[in-house]
């Protein structure tokens, strides 16, 4: 996959693209906002969705994971597709598909159609994500201006993550859960209007790893199905056992294709660097804790405590309100002490938050619950900027785009698997609180392990990959 961050002659845009750089940034930022928003806006609406279209716990898990699964599984190949057909063209196609899928979600008459539309949404998001960043690069050839533009671009995702549960709760409570999908349409149309003023992007040589892509989708899909249905029907049922076996066989085939393929979507030599390997598992675990926590406590607040969707959404504001401030603090700590310090500190803060949530009962004041969730969000905000910087410093410049895609894929996989596993624990436990506590304990144990692995890294993170 051609790196999105690698300089090339094709990076130099025509003069019209330079003059319209703010239009490029606006279009890219709107798309990134929508991609990030739809990963979380649905969580607070899950109880209402369940009452409307049915499906039980496993159905609700698929509403969340259908999106995240396809987003993660297709992201690595989507970068090559963006290069091959041009960033503007890929982004426009992804935006149209995303809007159509959003409308299908909103009009879905039943659970099957809703989940299918969420799968298409996730596929569209996977195409949009690398293309939006490539558009920013195209519109800002100057390195300093590009760095500022990327910082603004990331704000779109940060705002969406913070607003997702609140907006989802407000829309569900006021006009119904279907509007959490319809709200994508005006934003998508505005992004398309801005994109129409952006010149066509150059097409770059890029080869798609068809075998790797198919086996990646089968592996993740079969594993997620096995875990979700195992929680609902039992892990000894023939279909669940078969799906998990398919996941194992497909995973072996995927690794073989990556090891032997001429143009692998996941270059295995990257993992010769301990920094890359540890960064990937840390990113996986951080998203597992965050997305899994939002999934669990959205259900807890509404199903166990009888709160409205709006109130449940408001409960997540304390957890997300300080994320931007902590992101800046992470960068300053990394500059002064090296990235390992904020990374370890963030994971320990997150662990403390997860362990404190073990004390939550059926009678705990809901604002106390909201306060106890704060360290989980702040721990990730403290870790991720330093983690990303360490990863990019550890790989050659021509692998920076691939390394970034691998990290984002790992994080999305972490979120998808957490929803599957935590939902299985809820379904398999005698009470909701028992399943919730086992989920928090599992997440805390994972962060303790990844924090320990982080301590093995060089203090300044300067361990180059031999890729």
Protein backbone atom coordinates (compact mmCIF):
# COMPACT_ATOMS: atom_id res chain seq x y z
CA UNK A 1 0.00 0.00 0.00
CA UNK A 2 1.36 3.37 -0.95
CA UNK A 3 1.99 5.42 2.17
CA UNK A 4 -0.36 8.34 2.67
CA UNK A 5 2.42 10.19 4.42
CA UNK A 6 5.22 9.49 1.98
CA UNK A 7 6.31 12.46 -0.16
CA UNK A 8 6.00 11.95 -3.89
CA UNK A 9 5.87 13.99 -7.06
CA UNK A 10 2.14 13.38 -7.27
CA UNK A 11 1.67 15.24 -3.97
CA UNK A 12 2.03 18.61 -5.69
CA UNK A 13 -1.52 19.75 -6.46
CA UNK A 14 -2.55 22.22 -9.16
CA UNK A 15 -2.88 25.88 -8.22
CA UNK A 16 -6.67 25.60 -7.95
CA UNK A 17 -6.28 22.96 -5.25
CA UNK A 18 -3.91 25.20 -3.29
CA UNK A 19 -6.34 28.12 -3.43
CA UNK A 20 -9.15 25.89 -2.24
CA UNK A 21 -7.25 24.25 0.60
CA UNK A 22 -9.83 25.33 3.17
CA UNK A 23 -12.53 23.64 1.08
CA UNK A 24 -10.46 20.45 0.99
CA UNK A 25 -10.01 20.55 4.76
CA UNK A 26 -13.72 21.20 5.34
CA UNK A 27 -14.73 18.23 3.19
CA UNK A 28 -12.18 15.91 4.82
CA UNK A 29 -13.03 17.04 8.35
CA UNK A 30 -16.78 16.50 7.85
CA UNK A 31 -16.19 12.97 6.64
CA UNK A 32 -13.88 12.11 9.53
CA UNK A 33 -16.47 13.54 11.92
CA UNK A 34 -19.18 11.28 10.47
CA UNK A 35 -16.95 8.19 10.55
CA UNK A 36 -16.07 8.71 14.22
CA UNK A 37 -19.61 9.74 15.20
CA UNK A 38 -21.24 6.58 13.89
CA UNK A 39 -18.95 4.35 15.93
CA UNK A 40 -20.48 5.67 19.18
CA UNK A 41 -23.75 7.50 18.49
CA UNK A 42 -25.60 4.19 18.25
CA UNK A 43 -24.62 2.87 21.69
CA UNK A 44 -27.00 5.00 23.77
CA UNK A 45 -29.86 4.14 21.39
CA UNK A 46 -29.43 0.36 21.72
CA UNK A 47 -32.27 -0.27 24.22
CA UNK A 48 -34.72 1.67 22.01
CA UNK A 49 -33.47 -0.14 18.91
CA UNK A 50 -33.95 -3.47 20.68
CA UNK A 51 -37.52 -2.60 21.64
CA UNK A 52 -38.25 -1.47 18.08
CA UNK A 53 -36.71 -4.22 15.93
CA UNK A 54 -36.00 -6.98 18.49
CA UNK A 55 -32.98 -9.27 18.42
CA UNK A 56 -31.94 -9.45 22.07
CA UNK A 57 -28.37 -8.93 23.26
CA UNK A 58 -26.72 -10.60 20.26
CA UNK A 59 -28.72 -8.43 17.87
CA UNK A 60 -27.65 -5.26 19.67
CA UNK A 61 -24.03 -6.39 19.55
CA UNK A 62 -24.27 -6.80 15.77
CA UNK A 63 -25.71 -3.29 15.39
CA UNK A 64 -22.48 -1.99 16.95
CA UNK A 65 -20.01 -4.53 15.58
CA UNK A 66 -21.38 -4.66 12.05
CA UNK A 67 -20.01 -1.16 11.53
CA UNK A 68 -16.75 -1.57 13.43
CA UNK A 69 -16.01 -4.98 11.92
CA UNK A 70 -16.09 -3.85 8.30
CA UNK A 71 -14.34 -0.60 9.14
CA UNK A 72 -11.43 -2.50 10.67
CA UNK A 73 -11.30 -5.35 8.16
CA UNK A 74 -11.18 -3.15 5.05
CA UNK A 75 -9.08 -0.23 6.29
CA UNK A 76 -5.68 -1.58 5.24
CA UNK A 77 -6.76 -2.27 1.66
CA UNK A 78 -8.75 0.96 1.47
CA UNK A 79 -5.54 2.99 1.48
CA UNK A 80 -4.31 1.18 -1.62
CA UNK A 81 -7.73 1.64 -3.25
CA UNK A 82 -7.58 5.37 -2.52
CA UNK A 83 -4.18 5.59 -4.18
CA UNK A 84 -5.29 3.52 -7.15
CA UNK A 85 -8.44 5.44 -8.11
CA UNK A 86 -7.48 8.81 -6.60
CA UNK A 87 -8.24 10.21 -3.15
CA UNK A 88 -11.03 12.59 -4.25
CA UNK A 89 -12.75 9.91 -6.30
CA UNK A 90 -12.49 7.31 -3.52
CA UNK A 91 -13.67 9.78 -0.90
CA UNK A 92 -16.66 10.86 -2.98
CA UNK A 93 -17.68 7.27 -3.64
CA UNK A 94 -17.31 6.43 0.04
CA UNK A 95 -19.38 9.45 1.07
CA UNK A 96 -22.23 8.54 -1.28
CA UNK A 97 -22.22 4.92 -0.10
CA UNK A 98 -22.11 6.06 3.54
CA UNK A 99 -25.11 8.37 3.03
CA UNK A 100 -27.13 5.67 1.25
CA UNK A 101 -26.32 3.15 4.00
CA UNK A 102 -27.26 5.69 6.68
CA UNK A 103 -30.64 6.19 5.04
CA UNK A 104 -31.10 2.41 4.87
CA UNK A 105 -30.31 2.18 8.61
CA UNK A 106 -32.89 4.85 9.38
CA UNK A 107 -35.62 3.20 7.30
CA UNK A 108 -34.72 -0.38 8.31
CA UNK A 109 -37.93 -2.38 8.91
CA UNK A 110 -36.17 -5.04 10.96
CA UNK A 111 -32.92 -6.12 12.59
CA UNK A 112 -31.53 -7.97 9.55
CA UNK A 113 -31.76 -4.93 7.28
CA UNK A 114 -30.32 -2.68 10.00
CA UNK A 115 -27.28 -4.90 10.54
CA UNK A 116 -26.71 -5.29 6.78
CA UNK A 117 -26.84 -1.52 6.35
CA UNK A 118 -24.40 -1.08 9.23
CA UNK A 119 -21.99 -3.45 7.47
CA UNK A 120 -22.18 -1.28 4.35
CA UNK A 121 -21.70 1.85 6.48
CA UNK A 122 -18.51 0.37 7.93
CA UNK A 123 -17.20 -0.54 4.47
CA UNK A 124 -17.84 3.02 3.28
CA UNK A 125 -16.12 4.43 6.36
CA UNK A 126 -13.06 2.29 5.64
CA UNK A 127 -12.80 3.84 2.16
CA UNK A 128 -13.34 7.38 3.45
CA UNK A 129 -10.79 7.28 6.27
CA UNK A 130 -7.49 7.04 4.33
CA UNK A 131 -8.89 9.05 1.43
CA UNK A 132 -9.77 11.97 3.71
CA UNK A 133 -6.21 12.13 5.03
CA UNK A 134 -4.83 11.87 1.50
CA UNK A 135 -7.04 14.81 0.52
CA UNK A 136 -5.54 16.89 3.32
CA UNK A 137 -2.09 16.06 2.02
CA UNK A 138 -3.13 17.01 -1.50
CA UNK A 139 -4.56 20.35 -0.39
CA UNK A 140 -1.62 21.34 1.83
CA UNK A 141 1.73 20.74 0.07
CA UNK A 142 3.58 22.92 2.59
CA UNK A 143 4.73 20.75 5.51
CA UNK A 144 4.06 23.28 8.27
CA UNK A 145 0.60 24.15 6.95
CA UNK A 146 -0.13 20.46 6.46
CA UNK A 147 0.75 19.70 10.09
CA UNK A 148 -1.70 22.38 11.25
CA UNK A 149 -4.35 21.08 8.87
CA UNK A 150 -3.96 17.52 10.17
CA UNK A 151 -4.31 18.82 13.72
CA UNK A 152 -7.60 20.49 12.73
CA UNK A 153 -8.66 17.30 10.91
CA UNK A 154 -8.17 15.27 14.10
CA UNK A 155 -10.46 17.68 15.95
CA UNK A 156 -13.33 16.34 13.83
CA UNK A 157 -12.80 12.86 15.25
CA UNK A 158 -12.30 14.08 18.82
CA UNK A 159 -15.48 16.17 18.75
CA UNK A 160 -17.43 13.25 17.28
CA UNK A 161 -16.23 10.86 19.96
CA UNK A 162 -17.23 13.34 22.67
CA UNK A 163 -20.57 14.21 21.06
CA UNK A 164 -21.60 10.70 19.98
CA UNK A 165 -23.30 9.42 23.16
CA UNK A 166 -24.85 12.82 23.98
CA UNK A 167 -26.19 13.41 20.47
CA UNK A 168 -27.41 9.83 20.25
CA UNK A 169 -29.28 10.18 23.53
CA UNK A 170 -30.78 13.55 22.60
CA UNK A 171 -32.02 12.40 19.19
CA UNK A 172 -33.36 9.11 20.51
CA UNK A 173 -35.26 10.82 23.35
CA UNK A 174 -36.66 13.66 21.22
CA UNK A 175 -37.37 12.30 17.72
CA UNK A 176 -36.53 8.58 17.85
CA UNK A 177 -33.52 6.34 17.27
CA UNK A 178 -33.83 6.38 13.47
CA UNK A 179 -32.65 10.01 13.46
CA UNK A 180 -29.20 9.02 14.72
CA UNK A 181 -28.72 7.76 11.15
CA UNK A 182 -30.72 10.42 9.29
CA UNK A 183 -28.51 13.13 10.84
CA UNK A 184 -25.67 11.87 8.62
CA UNK A 185 -27.49 12.94 5.45
CA UNK A 186 -27.21 16.76 5.64
CA UNK A 187 -23.59 16.53 6.81
CA UNK A 188 -22.80 14.09 4.00
CA UNK A 189 -24.47 16.34 1.40
CA UNK A 190 -22.48 19.33 2.65
CA UNK A 191 -19.25 17.33 2.42
CA UNK A 192 -20.13 16.30 -1.15
CA UNK A 193 -20.89 19.92 -2.05
CA UNK A 194 -17.46 20.96 -0.79
CA UNK A 195 -15.83 18.01 -2.53
CA UNK A 196 -17.33 19.08 -5.86
CA UNK A 197 -15.04 22.13 -5.71
CA UNK A 198 -11.90 20.00 -5.25
CA UNK A 199 -9.91 18.99 -8.35
CA UNK A 200 -9.65 15.31 -9.23
CA UNK A 201 -6.80 13.52 -7.48
CA UNK A 202 -3.98 11.78 -9.34
CA UNK A 203 -4.10 8.01 -9.65
CA UNK A 204 -1.06 6.31 -8.15
CA UNK A 205 0.23 2.77 -8.74
CA UNK A 206 -1.01 0.53 -5.94
CA UNK A 207 -1.70 -3.20 -5.83
CA UNK A 208 -4.53 -4.74 -3.87
CA UNK A 209 -3.92 -7.86 -1.79
CA UNK A 210 -7.10 -9.77 -2.68
CA UNK A 211 -6.21 -12.95 -0.76
CA UNK A 212 -5.19 -11.01 2.32
CA UNK A 213 -8.35 -8.90 2.23
CA UNK A 214 -10.73 -11.84 1.87
CA UNK A 215 -9.05 -13.87 4.61
CA UNK A 216 -8.98 -10.83 6.92
CA UNK A 217 -12.74 -10.29 6.54
CA UNK A 218 -13.48 -14.01 7.02
CA UNK A 219 -11.23 -14.21 10.09
CA UNK A 220 -12.73 -11.21 11.85
CA UNK A 221 -16.30 -11.99 10.81
CA UNK A 222 -16.16 -15.64 11.86
CA UNK A 223 -14.48 -14.86 15.18
CA UNK A 224 -16.92 -12.07 16.03
CA UNK A 225 -19.87 -14.28 15.09
CA UNK A 226 -18.53 -17.12 17.23
CA UNK A 227 -18.08 -14.92 20.29
CA UNK A 228 -21.43 -13.12 19.98
CA UNK A 229 -23.47 -16.23 19.24
CA UNK A 230 -21.49 -18.24 21.77
CA UNK A 231 -22.59 -15.86 24.48
CA UNK A 232 -26.21 -16.14 23.36
CA UNK A 233 -26.44 -19.86 22.53
CA UNK A 234 -23.45 -21.48 24.23
CA UNK A 235 -19.91 -22.03 22.99
CA UNK A 236 -20.49 -25.75 22.54
CA UNK A 237 -23.14 -25.40 19.85
CA UNK A 238 -22.03 -26.77 16.45
CA UNK A 239 -22.42 -23.51 14.52
CA UNK A 240 -20.39 -21.55 17.08
CA UNK A 241 -17.62 -24.17 17.14
CA UNK A 242 -17.56 -24.23 13.34
CA UNK A 243 -17.32 -20.44 13.09
CA UNK A 244 -14.41 -20.32 15.53
CA UNK A 245 -12.62 -23.07 13.59
CA UNK A 246 -13.16 -21.11 10.36
CA UNK A 247 -11.66 -18.07 12.07
CA UNK A 248 -8.53 -20.02 13.05
CA UNK A 249 -8.05 -21.54 9.59
CA UNK A 250 -8.63 -18.21 7.89
CA UNK A 251 -6.20 -16.47 10.25
CA UNK A 252 -3.49 -18.98 9.32
CA UNK A 253 -4.24 -18.41 5.63
CA UNK A 254 -4.07 -14.65 6.15
CA UNK A 255 -0.66 -14.83 7.85
CA UNK A 256 0.63 -17.14 5.10
CA UNK A 257 -0.57 -14.72 2.43
CA UNK A 258 1.13 -11.81 4.20
CA UNK A 259 4.38 -13.73 4.58
CA UNK A 260 4.54 -14.92 0.98
CA UNK A 261 2.68 -12.27 -0.99
CA UNK A 262 4.53 -9.81 -3.20
CA UNK A 263 2.33 -6.90 -2.07
CA UNK A 264 0.92 -7.74 1.39
CA UNK A 265 -1.62 -5.43 3.00
CA UNK A 266 0.05 -6.06 6.37
CA UNK A 267 3.86 -6.21 6.00
CA UNK A 268 4.90 -8.67 8.72
CA UNK A 269 8.49 -7.29 8.94
CA UNK A 270 7.00 -4.26 10.67
CA UNK A 271 6.52 -6.43 13.75
CA UNK A 272 10.25 -7.05 14.09
CA UNK A 273 10.19 -3.77 15.97
CA UNK A 274 9.11 -4.27 19.57
CA UNK A 275 7.79 -0.70 19.54
CA UNK A 276 5.40 -1.53 16.70
CA UNK A 277 4.21 -4.78 18.28
CA UNK A 278 3.64 -3.23 21.71
CA UNK A 279 1.99 -0.13 20.23
CA UNK A 280 -0.49 -2.33 18.40
CA UNK A 281 -1.55 -4.31 21.49
CA UNK A 282 -1.76 -1.12 23.57
CA UNK A 283 -4.00 0.53 20.96
CA UNK A 284 -6.12 -2.63 20.79
CA UNK A 285 -6.59 -2.71 24.56
CA UNK A 286 -7.32 1.01 24.93
CA UNK A 287 -10.18 0.84 22.44
CA UNK A 288 -11.43 -2.39 23.97
CA UNK A 289 -11.69 -0.67 27.36
CA UNK A 290 -13.24 2.53 25.98
CA UNK A 291 -15.73 1.18 23.43
CA UNK A 292 -16.57 -1.81 25.60
CA UNK A 293 -17.15 0.51 28.57
CA UNK A 294 -19.47 2.81 26.61
CA UNK A 295 -21.42 -0.25 25.37
CA UNK A 296 -21.76 -1.74 28.87
CA UNK A 297 -22.71 1.44 30.70
CA UNK A 298 -25.17 2.60 28.04
CA UNK A 299 -27.09 -0.60 28.75
CA UNK A 300 -26.56 -0.34 32.52
CA UNK A 301 -27.89 3.21 32.77
CA UNK A 302 -31.02 2.46 30.75
CA UNK A 303 -31.84 -1.18 31.38
CA UNK A 304 -30.69 -1.47 34.99
CA UNK A 305 -31.27 2.07 36.24
CA UNK A 306 -34.23 3.13 34.13
CA UNK A 307 -32.60 6.31 32.82
CA UNK A 308 -33.76 7.88 29.56
CA UNK A 309 -31.56 7.81 26.48
CA UNK A 310 -30.90 11.54 26.91
CA UNK A 311 -29.84 11.18 30.55
CA UNK A 312 -27.65 8.21 29.68
CA UNK A 313 -25.95 10.28 26.96
CA UNK A 314 -25.35 13.13 29.38
CA UNK A 315 -23.63 10.72 31.78
CA UNK A 316 -20.78 10.36 29.28
CA UNK A 317 -19.99 14.09 29.13
CA UNK A 318 -17.59 14.04 32.13
CA UNK A 319 -15.64 11.18 30.52
CA UNK A 320 -15.19 12.98 27.20
CA UNK A 321 -15.11 16.67 28.15
CA UNK A 322 -11.40 16.87 29.02
CA UNK A 323 -10.06 14.66 26.24
CA UNK A 324 -8.65 17.53 24.11
CA UNK A 325 -6.89 19.12 27.10
CA UNK A 326 -5.36 15.80 28.12
CA UNK A 327 -4.23 15.18 24.53
CA UNK A 328 -2.17 18.37 24.72
CA UNK A 329 -0.81 17.38 28.12
CA UNK A 330 0.26 14.02 26.69
CA UNK A 331 2.26 15.73 23.94
CA UNK A 332 4.02 17.97 26.48
CA UNK A 333 4.82 15.07 28.80
CA UNK A 334 6.18 13.07 25.89
CA UNK A 335 8.38 15.98 24.81
CA UNK A 336 9.79 16.35 28.31
CA UNK A 337 10.06 12.76 29.56
CA UNK A 338 9.73 10.63 26.44
CA UNK A 339 6.55 8.92 25.16
CA UNK A 340 6.82 5.95 27.51
CA UNK A 341 5.90 8.05 30.57
CA UNK A 342 2.45 9.29 29.39
CA UNK A 343 1.76 5.89 27.83
CA UNK A 344 2.30 4.00 31.09
CA UNK A 345 0.60 6.70 33.15
CA UNK A 346 -2.44 6.70 30.86
CA UNK A 347 -2.86 2.94 30.99
CA UNK A 348 -2.58 2.93 34.79
CA UNK A 349 -5.14 5.75 35.05
CA UNK A 350 -7.48 3.75 32.82
CA UNK A 351 -6.91 0.64 34.93
CA UNK A 352 -7.75 2.55 38.10
CA UNK A 353 -10.98 3.75 36.51
CA UNK A 354 -12.00 0.24 35.43
CA UNK A 355 -11.27 -1.18 38.89
CA UNK A 356 -13.27 1.60 40.55
CA UNK A 357 -16.25 0.66 38.35
CA UNK A 358 -16.29 -2.76 40.05
CA UNK A 359 -17.89 -0.98 43.02
CA UNK A 360 -20.93 0.12 40.98
CA UNK A 361 -24.15 -1.49 42.17
CA UNK A 362 -27.83 -1.26 41.31
CA UNK A 363 -28.16 1.66 43.73
CA UNK A 364 -25.02 3.72 43.04
CA UNK A 365 -25.83 7.37 42.31
CA UNK A 366 -25.70 7.78 38.52
CA UNK A 367 -23.52 10.90 38.79
CA UNK A 368 -21.04 8.87 40.84
CA UNK A 369 -21.03 6.33 38.02
CA UNK A 370 -20.36 9.15 35.55
CA UNK A 371 -17.44 10.35 37.67
CA UNK A 372 -15.99 6.84 37.93
CA UNK A 373 -15.96 6.55 34.12
CA UNK A 374 -13.80 9.67 33.76
CA UNK A 375 -10.40 7.95 34.29
CA UNK A 376 -11.20 5.44 31.53
CA UNK A 377 -11.55 8.24 28.97
CA UNK A 378 -8.65 10.29 30.32
CA UNK A 379 -6.34 7.28 30.36
CA UNK A 380 -6.84 6.78 26.63
CA UNK A 381 -6.48 10.50 25.91
CA UNK A 382 -3.18 10.54 27.78
CA UNK A 383 -1.85 7.44 26.01
CA UNK A 384 -2.87 7.71 22.36
CA UNK A 385 -0.92 10.83 21.21
CA UNK A 386 2.32 9.55 22.73
CA UNK A 387 1.61 6.05 21.41
CA UNK A 388 1.08 7.33 17.87
CA UNK A 389 4.20 9.49 17.94
CA UNK A 390 6.33 6.61 19.25
CA UNK A 391 5.03 4.27 16.57
CA UNK A 392 5.71 6.68 13.69
CA UNK A 393 9.20 7.42 15.03
CA UNK A 394 9.98 3.69 15.10
CA UNK A 395 9.32 2.93 11.43
CA UNK A 396 11.01 4.09 8.21
CA UNK A 397 9.43 7.17 6.62
CA UNK A 398 8.08 5.17 3.67
CA UNK A 399 6.18 2.87 6.04
CA UNK A 400 4.57 5.61 8.15
CA UNK A 401 1.21 5.42 6.36
CA UNK A 402 1.08 1.65 6.62
CA UNK A 403 2.06 1.74 10.29
CA UNK A 404 -0.66 4.28 11.02
CA UNK A 405 -3.23 2.16 9.20
CA UNK A 406 -2.15 -0.93 11.15
CA UNK A 407 -2.53 0.95 14.45
CA UNK A 408 -6.00 2.26 13.56
CA UNK A 409 -7.06 -1.19 12.38
CA UNK A 410 -5.86 -2.74 15.64
CA UNK A 411 -7.78 -0.16 17.65
CA UNK A 412 -11.00 -0.79 15.71
CA UNK A 413 -10.58 -4.54 16.12
CA UNK A 414 -10.17 -3.99 19.87
CA UNK A 415 -13.47 -2.13 20.03
CA UNK A 416 -15.31 -4.76 17.99
CA UNK A 417 -13.99 -7.69 20.01
CA UNK A 418 -14.71 -5.94 23.32
CA UNK A 419 -18.37 -5.46 22.38
CA UNK A 420 -18.56 -9.13 21.35
CA UNK A 421 -16.82 -10.45 24.48
CA UNK A 422 -18.50 -8.11 26.97
CA UNK A 423 -21.90 -8.85 25.47
CA UNK A 424 -21.18 -12.58 25.77
CA UNK A 425 -20.26 -12.10 29.44
CA UNK A 426 -23.52 -10.21 30.03
CA UNK A 427 -25.56 -12.89 28.26
CA UNK A 428 -23.82 -15.74 30.08
CA UNK A 429 -24.00 -14.29 33.62
CA UNK A 430 -26.77 -14.74 36.19
CA UNK A 431 -27.20 -10.98 36.53
CA UNK A 432 -26.28 -7.92 34.48
CA UNK A 433 -24.03 -6.60 37.28
CA UNK A 434 -22.05 -9.85 37.38
CA UNK A 435 -21.38 -9.71 33.64
CA UNK A 436 -20.52 -6.01 33.91
CA UNK A 437 -17.99 -6.60 36.66
CA UNK A 438 -16.33 -9.48 34.83
CA UNK A 439 -16.06 -7.22 31.77
CA UNK A 440 -14.43 -4.39 33.74
CA UNK A 441 -12.07 -6.84 35.45
CA UNK A 442 -11.04 -8.35 32.11
CA UNK A 443 -10.39 -4.91 30.63
CA UNK A 444 -8.37 -3.85 33.69
CA UNK A 445 -6.26 -7.01 33.51
CA UNK A 446 -5.57 -6.34 29.83
CA UNK A 447 -4.42 -2.77 30.51
CA UNK A 448 -2.15 -3.95 33.32
CA UNK A 449 -0.51 -6.39 30.91
CA UNK A 450 -0.07 -3.78 28.17
CA UNK A 451 1.30 -1.24 30.66
CA UNK A 452 3.85 -3.84 31.74
CA UNK A 453 4.77 -4.44 28.10
CA UNK A 454 5.17 -0.68 27.59
CA UNK A 455 7.77 -0.60 30.37
CA UNK A 456 9.98 -2.88 28.24
CA UNK A 457 10.24 -0.22 25.51
CA UNK A 458 13.12 2.24 25.23
CA UNK A 459 12.41 5.38 27.25
CA UNK A 460 12.42 7.59 24.15
CA UNK A 461 10.94 4.97 21.85
CA UNK A 462 13.77 5.15 19.30
CA UNK A 463 13.89 1.57 18.14
CA UNK A 464 13.67 1.43 14.40
CA UNK A 465 11.97 -1.37 12.53
CA UNK A 466 14.01 -3.39 10.08
CA UNK A 467 11.07 -3.47 7.69
